Amino acid sequence: MSKRDELIEKYAADLREKCGVEPDMDLLTKVTIGAGPSIYNADSSTVASSSTDELNTVKENFLKKKLGLPESDSLMGGIQKVMDTYGHSNRNKYRVVVYYLLVKHFGKEGVYA
């Protein structure tokens, strides 16, 4: 099993156990591939949900640039909803899991079709 496949299994387990979501494995694989090499770096593979700068980066680079969403208050609202779903007590929030939940929240699965 490749390193990427191992990470996808880890992300799927987080979605099931911490978020109560049964993942669409095809979409999860595409989101993982889309995250690029950041998934292999300990710092960039996670999202610091307590950092406003980090959440703004998710908004600007993922929601607006990758998913093509227009600027609105609902972007930060969606991020907060995803963080609530993931659970604030979970220190390590994997970037791919956050991105997957955001794709589902905003109904932008077509970006990865």
N, C-alpha and C. Protein backbone atom coordinates (compact mmCIF):
# COMPACT_ATOMS: atom_id res chain seq x y z
N MET A 1 0.84 -1.18 0.00
CA MET A 1 0.00 0.00 0.00
C MET A 1 0.89 1.25 0.00
N SER A 2 0.58 2.19 -0.87
CA SER A 2 1.41 3.39 -0.97
C SER A 2 1.14 4.32 0.21
N LYS A 3 2.04 5.25 0.40
CA LYS A 3 1.91 6.23 1.48
C LYS A 3 0.60 7.01 1.31
N ARG A 4 0.27 7.38 0.06
CA ARG A 4 -0.96 8.13 -0.18
C ARG A 4 -2.18 7.29 0.18
N ASP A 5 -2.17 6.01 -0.18
CA ASP A 5 -3.29 5.13 0.16
C ASP A 5 -3.45 4.99 1.67
N GLU A 6 -2.33 4.93 2.38
CA GLU A 6 -2.38 4.86 3.85
C GLU A 6 -3.02 6.13 4.42
N LEU A 7 -2.65 7.29 3.87
CA LEU A 7 -3.22 8.55 4.33
C LEU A 7 -4.71 8.62 4.03
N ILE A 8 -5.11 8.15 2.85
CA ILE A 8 -6.54 8.16 2.49
C ILE A 8 -7.33 7.32 3.50
N GLU A 9 -6.79 6.18 3.89
CA GLU A 9 -7.46 5.34 4.89
C GLU A 9 -7.54 6.06 6.24
N LYS A 10 -6.49 6.78 6.59
CA LYS A 10 -6.48 7.55 7.84
C LYS A 10 -7.55 8.65 7.79
N TYR A 11 -7.65 9.33 6.65
CA TYR A 11 -8.65 10.40 6.49
C TYR A 11 -10.07 9.81 6.56
N ALA A 12 -10.27 8.66 5.93
CA ALA A 12 -11.58 8.01 5.95
C ALA A 12 -11.97 7.63 7.38
N ALA A 13 -11.00 7.15 8.14
CA ALA A 13 -11.26 6.79 9.54
C ALA A 13 -11.64 8.02 10.35
N ASP A 14 -10.96 9.14 10.11
CA ASP A 14 -11.29 10.40 10.81
C ASP A 14 -12.71 10.84 10.46
N LEU A 15 -13.07 10.74 9.18
CA LEU A 15 -14.42 11.14 8.77
C LEU A 15 -15.47 10.28 9.47
N ARG A 16 -15.21 8.99 9.56
CA ARG A 16 -16.18 8.08 10.20
C ARG A 16 -16.23 8.29 11.71
N GLU A 17 -15.06 8.29 12.35
CA GLU A 17 -14.99 8.28 13.81
C GLU A 17 -15.17 9.66 14.45
N LYS A 18 -14.59 10.68 13.87
CA LYS A 18 -14.63 12.01 14.49
C LYS A 18 -15.73 12.90 13.94
N CYS A 19 -16.15 12.65 12.70
CA CYS A 19 -17.14 13.52 12.05
C CYS A 19 -18.49 12.85 11.86
N GLY A 20 -18.55 11.54 12.04
CA GLY A 20 -19.80 10.82 11.86
C GLY A 20 -20.28 10.82 10.41
N VAL A 21 -19.32 10.82 9.47
CA VAL A 21 -19.64 10.89 8.04
C VAL A 21 -19.08 9.65 7.35
N GLU A 22 -19.89 9.01 6.52
CA GLU A 22 -19.40 7.90 5.70
C GLU A 22 -18.85 8.51 4.41
N PRO A 23 -17.52 8.42 4.21
CA PRO A 23 -16.91 9.11 3.07
C PRO A 23 -17.20 8.47 1.71
N ASP A 24 -17.31 9.32 0.71
CA ASP A 24 -17.33 8.90 -0.68
C ASP A 24 -15.85 8.72 -1.03
N MET A 25 -15.39 7.48 -1.12
CA MET A 25 -13.96 7.20 -1.26
C MET A 25 -13.37 7.76 -2.56
N ASP A 26 -14.16 7.78 -3.62
CA ASP A 26 -13.69 8.34 -4.88
C ASP A 26 -13.42 9.84 -4.72
N LEU A 27 -14.36 10.55 -4.12
CA LEU A 27 -14.18 11.98 -3.89
C LEU A 27 -13.03 12.24 -2.92
N LEU A 28 -12.95 11.46 -1.86
CA LEU A 28 -11.87 11.62 -0.88
C LEU A 28 -10.51 11.43 -1.55
N THR A 29 -10.40 10.45 -2.43
CA THR A 29 -9.15 10.22 -3.16
C THR A 29 -8.81 11.42 -4.03
N LYS A 30 -9.80 11.98 -4.72
CA LYS A 30 -9.56 13.14 -5.58
C LYS A 30 -9.17 14.37 -4.78
N VAL A 31 -9.80 14.58 -3.64
CA VAL A 31 -9.45 15.72 -2.78
C VAL A 31 -8.02 15.54 -2.26
N THR A 32 -7.67 14.30 -1.90
CA THR A 32 -6.31 14.02 -1.41
C THR A 32 -5.28 14.32 -2.49
N ILE A 33 -5.53 13.85 -3.71
CA ILE A 33 -4.61 14.10 -4.82
C ILE A 33 -4.51 15.61 -5.08
N GLY A 34 -5.65 16.31 -5.00
CA GLY A 34 -5.68 17.75 -5.23
C GLY A 34 -4.90 18.54 -4.19
N ALA A 35 -4.75 17.98 -2.99
CA ALA A 35 -4.00 18.67 -1.94
C ALA A 35 -2.50 18.64 -2.21
N GLY A 36 -2.07 17.77 -3.10
CA GLY A 36 -0.67 17.73 -3.51
C GLY A 36 0.27 17.27 -2.41
N PRO A 37 1.52 17.71 -2.50
CA PRO A 37 2.54 17.24 -1.57
C PRO A 37 2.35 17.74 -0.13
N SER A 38 1.43 18.67 0.10
CA SER A 38 1.23 19.18 1.47
C SER A 38 0.81 18.08 2.43
N ILE A 39 0.23 16.99 1.92
CA ILE A 39 -0.25 15.92 2.80
C ILE A 39 0.89 15.15 3.46
N TYR A 40 2.11 15.27 2.91
CA TYR A 40 3.25 14.53 3.45
C TYR A 40 4.06 15.34 4.47
N ASN A 41 3.71 16.60 4.67
CA ASN A 41 4.42 17.46 5.60
C ASN A 41 3.60 17.60 6.88
N ALA A 42 4.22 17.35 8.02
CA ALA A 42 3.49 17.35 9.29
C ALA A 42 2.77 18.67 9.55
N ASP A 43 3.40 19.79 9.21
CA ASP A 43 2.79 21.09 9.48
C ASP A 43 1.67 21.41 8.49
N SER A 44 1.94 21.23 7.22
CA SER A 44 0.95 21.63 6.20
C SER A 44 -0.18 20.61 6.02
N SER A 45 -0.04 19.43 6.60
CA SER A 45 -1.09 18.41 6.44
C SER A 45 -2.27 18.63 7.38
N THR A 46 -2.10 19.56 8.33
CA THR A 46 -3.19 19.84 9.27
C THR A 46 -3.61 21.30 9.19
N VAL A 47 -4.80 21.57 9.72
CA VAL A 47 -5.33 22.93 9.77
C VAL A 47 -5.43 23.34 11.23
N ALA A 48 -4.83 24.48 11.57
CA ALA A 48 -4.92 25.01 12.93
C ALA A 48 -6.22 25.81 13.03
N SER A 49 -7.25 25.18 13.57
CA SER A 49 -8.57 25.81 13.58
C SER A 49 -8.65 27.01 14.51
N SER A 50 -7.68 27.16 15.40
CA SER A 50 -7.70 28.30 16.31
C SER A 50 -6.98 29.51 15.71
N SER A 51 -6.38 29.35 14.54
CA SER A 51 -5.63 30.43 13.90
C SER A 51 -6.49 31.12 12.84
N THR A 52 -6.78 32.39 13.07
CA THR A 52 -7.56 33.17 12.10
C THR A 52 -6.84 33.24 10.77
N ASP A 53 -5.52 33.40 10.80
CA ASP A 53 -4.73 33.45 9.56
C ASP A 53 -4.88 32.15 8.77
N GLU A 54 -4.83 31.02 9.48
CA GLU A 54 -4.96 29.72 8.82
C GLU A 54 -6.35 29.57 8.17
N LEU A 55 -7.38 29.97 8.89
CA LEU A 55 -8.74 29.86 8.36
C LEU A 55 -8.94 30.79 7.16
N ASN A 56 -8.31 31.97 7.20
CA ASN A 56 -8.37 32.87 6.05
C ASN A 56 -7.66 32.27 4.84
N THR A 57 -6.57 31.56 5.08
CA THR A 57 -5.85 30.89 4.00
C THR A 57 -6.73 29.81 3.37
N VAL A 58 -7.44 29.04 4.19
CA VAL A 58 -8.36 28.03 3.68
C VAL A 58 -9.42 28.71 2.82
N LYS A 59 -9.95 29.82 3.32
CA LYS A 59 -10.99 30.56 2.58
C LYS A 59 -10.47 31.05 1.24
N GLU A 60 -9.33 31.72 1.25
CA GLU A 60 -8.78 32.33 0.03
C GLU A 60 -8.29 31.28 -0.97
N ASN A 61 -7.46 30.35 -0.49
CA ASN A 61 -6.79 29.42 -1.41
C ASN A 61 -7.63 28.21 -1.79
N PHE A 62 -8.51 27.79 -0.91
CA PHE A 62 -9.32 26.61 -1.25
C PHE A 62 -10.72 26.99 -1.71
N LEU A 63 -11.45 27.69 -0.86
CA LEU A 63 -12.84 27.99 -1.21
C LEU A 63 -12.96 28.91 -2.42
N LYS A 64 -12.16 29.96 -2.45
CA LYS A 64 -12.29 30.93 -3.54
C LYS A 64 -11.52 30.50 -4.79
N LYS A 65 -10.25 30.11 -4.61
CA LYS A 65 -9.44 29.77 -5.79
C LYS A 65 -9.76 28.38 -6.34
N LYS A 66 -9.76 27.37 -5.48
CA LYS A 66 -9.96 25.99 -5.96
C LYS A 66 -11.43 25.71 -6.29
N LEU A 67 -12.33 26.07 -5.37
CA LEU A 67 -13.74 25.76 -5.59
C LEU A 67 -14.47 26.84 -6.38
N GLY A 68 -13.85 28.02 -6.52
CA GLY A 68 -14.45 29.09 -7.32
C GLY A 68 -15.64 29.77 -6.67
N LEU A 69 -15.68 29.75 -5.35
CA LEU A 69 -16.80 30.39 -4.65
C LEU A 69 -16.57 31.89 -4.55
N PRO A 70 -17.63 32.69 -4.69
CA PRO A 70 -17.49 34.14 -4.56
C PRO A 70 -17.36 34.55 -3.09
N GLU A 71 -16.75 35.68 -2.86
CA GLU A 71 -16.60 36.23 -1.50
C GLU A 71 -17.97 36.42 -0.88
N SER A 72 -18.15 35.89 0.32
CA SER A 72 -19.37 36.14 1.09
C SER A 72 -19.15 35.69 2.53
N ASP A 73 -20.06 36.14 3.39
CA ASP A 73 -19.97 35.76 4.81
C ASP A 73 -20.17 34.26 5.00
N SER A 74 -20.86 33.62 4.04
CA SER A 74 -21.14 32.19 4.18
C SER A 74 -19.87 31.35 4.10
N LEU A 75 -18.78 31.89 3.54
CA LEU A 75 -17.53 31.12 3.44
C LEU A 75 -16.98 30.82 4.83
N MET A 76 -16.84 31.84 5.66
CA MET A 76 -16.33 31.62 7.02
C MET A 76 -17.35 30.83 7.84
N GLY A 77 -18.63 31.05 7.57
CA GLY A 77 -19.66 30.27 8.25
C GLY A 77 -19.53 28.79 7.94
N GLY A 78 -19.24 28.48 6.67
CA GLY A 78 -19.04 27.08 6.27
C GLY A 78 -17.81 26.48 6.93
N ILE A 79 -16.75 27.26 7.00
CA ILE A 79 -15.52 26.78 7.65
C ILE A 79 -15.81 26.48 9.13
N GLN A 80 -16.52 27.38 9.80
CA GLN A 80 -16.83 27.17 11.21
C GLN A 80 -17.72 25.94 11.41
N LYS A 81 -18.66 25.73 10.50
CA LYS A 81 -19.54 24.56 10.60
C LYS A 81 -18.72 23.28 10.45
N VAL A 82 -17.77 23.28 9.52
CA VAL A 82 -16.90 22.12 9.33
C VAL A 82 -16.05 21.89 10.58
N MET A 83 -15.53 22.96 11.17
CA MET A 83 -14.72 22.82 12.39
C MET A 83 -15.57 22.26 13.53
N ASP A 84 -16.83 22.69 13.61
CA ASP A 84 -17.74 22.15 14.63
C ASP A 84 -17.98 20.66 14.39
N THR A 85 -18.17 20.28 13.12
CA THR A 85 -18.39 18.88 12.78
C THR A 85 -17.18 18.04 13.14
N TYR A 86 -15.99 18.56 12.86
CA TYR A 86 -14.75 17.84 13.14
C TYR A 86 -14.52 17.74 14.64
N GLY A 87 -15.01 18.72 15.38
CA GLY A 87 -14.86 18.72 16.83
C GLY A 87 -13.69 19.57 17.27
N HIS A 88 -13.99 20.55 18.10
CA HIS A 88 -12.93 21.47 18.55
C HIS A 88 -11.92 20.79 19.46
N SER A 89 -12.30 19.66 20.06
CA SER A 89 -11.37 18.96 20.94
C SER A 89 -10.33 18.17 20.16
N ASN A 90 -10.55 17.96 18.87
CA ASN A 90 -9.57 17.25 18.04
C ASN A 90 -8.47 18.22 17.64
N ARG A 91 -7.29 18.01 18.20
CA ARG A 91 -6.18 18.92 17.92
C ARG A 91 -5.71 18.83 16.48
N ASN A 92 -5.59 17.61 15.98
CA ASN A 92 -5.09 17.42 14.61
C ASN A 92 -6.24 17.31 13.64
N LYS A 93 -6.50 18.37 12.95
CA LYS A 93 -7.54 18.37 11.92
C LYS A 93 -6.83 18.27 10.57
N TYR A 94 -6.97 17.12 9.95
CA TYR A 94 -6.29 16.92 8.68
C TYR A 94 -6.87 17.83 7.61
N ARG A 95 -5.98 18.47 6.87
CA ARG A 95 -6.37 19.41 5.81
C ARG A 95 -7.31 18.74 4.80
N VAL A 96 -7.00 17.52 4.40
CA VAL A 96 -7.82 16.83 3.41
C VAL A 96 -9.23 16.58 3.95
N VAL A 97 -9.34 16.23 5.22
CA VAL A 97 -10.66 16.00 5.82
C VAL A 97 -11.45 17.32 5.84
N VAL A 98 -10.79 18.40 6.23
CA VAL A 98 -11.44 19.72 6.23
C VAL A 98 -11.89 20.08 4.82
N TYR A 99 -11.01 19.90 3.84
CA TYR A 99 -11.36 20.21 2.45
C TYR A 99 -12.52 19.34 1.96
N TYR A 100 -12.48 18.06 2.29
CA TYR A 100 -13.56 17.14 1.88
C TYR A 100 -14.89 17.63 2.45
N LEU A 101 -14.91 17.96 3.73
CA LEU A 101 -16.14 18.43 4.37
C LEU A 101 -16.61 19.74 3.76
N LEU A 102 -15.68 20.61 3.39
CA LEU A 102 -16.05 21.88 2.74
C LEU A 102 -16.65 21.64 1.36
N VAL A 103 -16.07 20.72 0.61
CA VAL A 103 -16.60 20.38 -0.72
C VAL A 103 -18.04 19.91 -0.57
N LYS A 104 -18.29 19.02 0.39
CA LYS A 104 -19.63 18.50 0.62
C LYS A 104 -20.58 19.61 1.11
N HIS A 105 -20.09 20.44 2.03
CA HIS A 105 -20.92 21.51 2.60
C HIS A 105 -21.41 22.47 1.52
N PHE A 106 -20.51 22.84 0.62
CA PHE A 106 -20.85 23.81 -0.42
C PHE A 106 -21.37 23.16 -1.70
N GLY A 107 -21.48 21.83 -1.71
CA GLY A 107 -22.01 21.13 -2.88
C GLY A 107 -21.16 21.30 -4.13
N LYS A 108 -19.85 21.31 -3.97
CA LYS A 108 -18.94 21.55 -5.09
C LYS A 108 -18.20 20.28 -5.54
N GLU A 109 -18.85 19.13 -5.40
CA GLU A 109 -18.23 17.88 -5.83
C GLU A 109 -17.87 17.90 -7.30
N GLY A 110 -18.58 18.66 -8.09
CA GLY A 110 -18.33 18.76 -9.53
C GLY A 110 -16.94 19.27 -9.88
N VAL A 111 -16.31 20.00 -8.97
CA VAL A 111 -14.95 20.50 -9.19
C VAL A 111 -14.00 19.31 -9.37
N TYR A 112 -14.31 18.20 -8.72
CA TYR A 112 -13.43 17.03 -8.76
C TYR A 112 -13.93 15.95 -9.71
N ALA A 113 -14.93 16.28 -10.52
CA ALA A 113 -15.51 15.27 -11.46
C ALA A 113 -14.56 14.95 -12.59
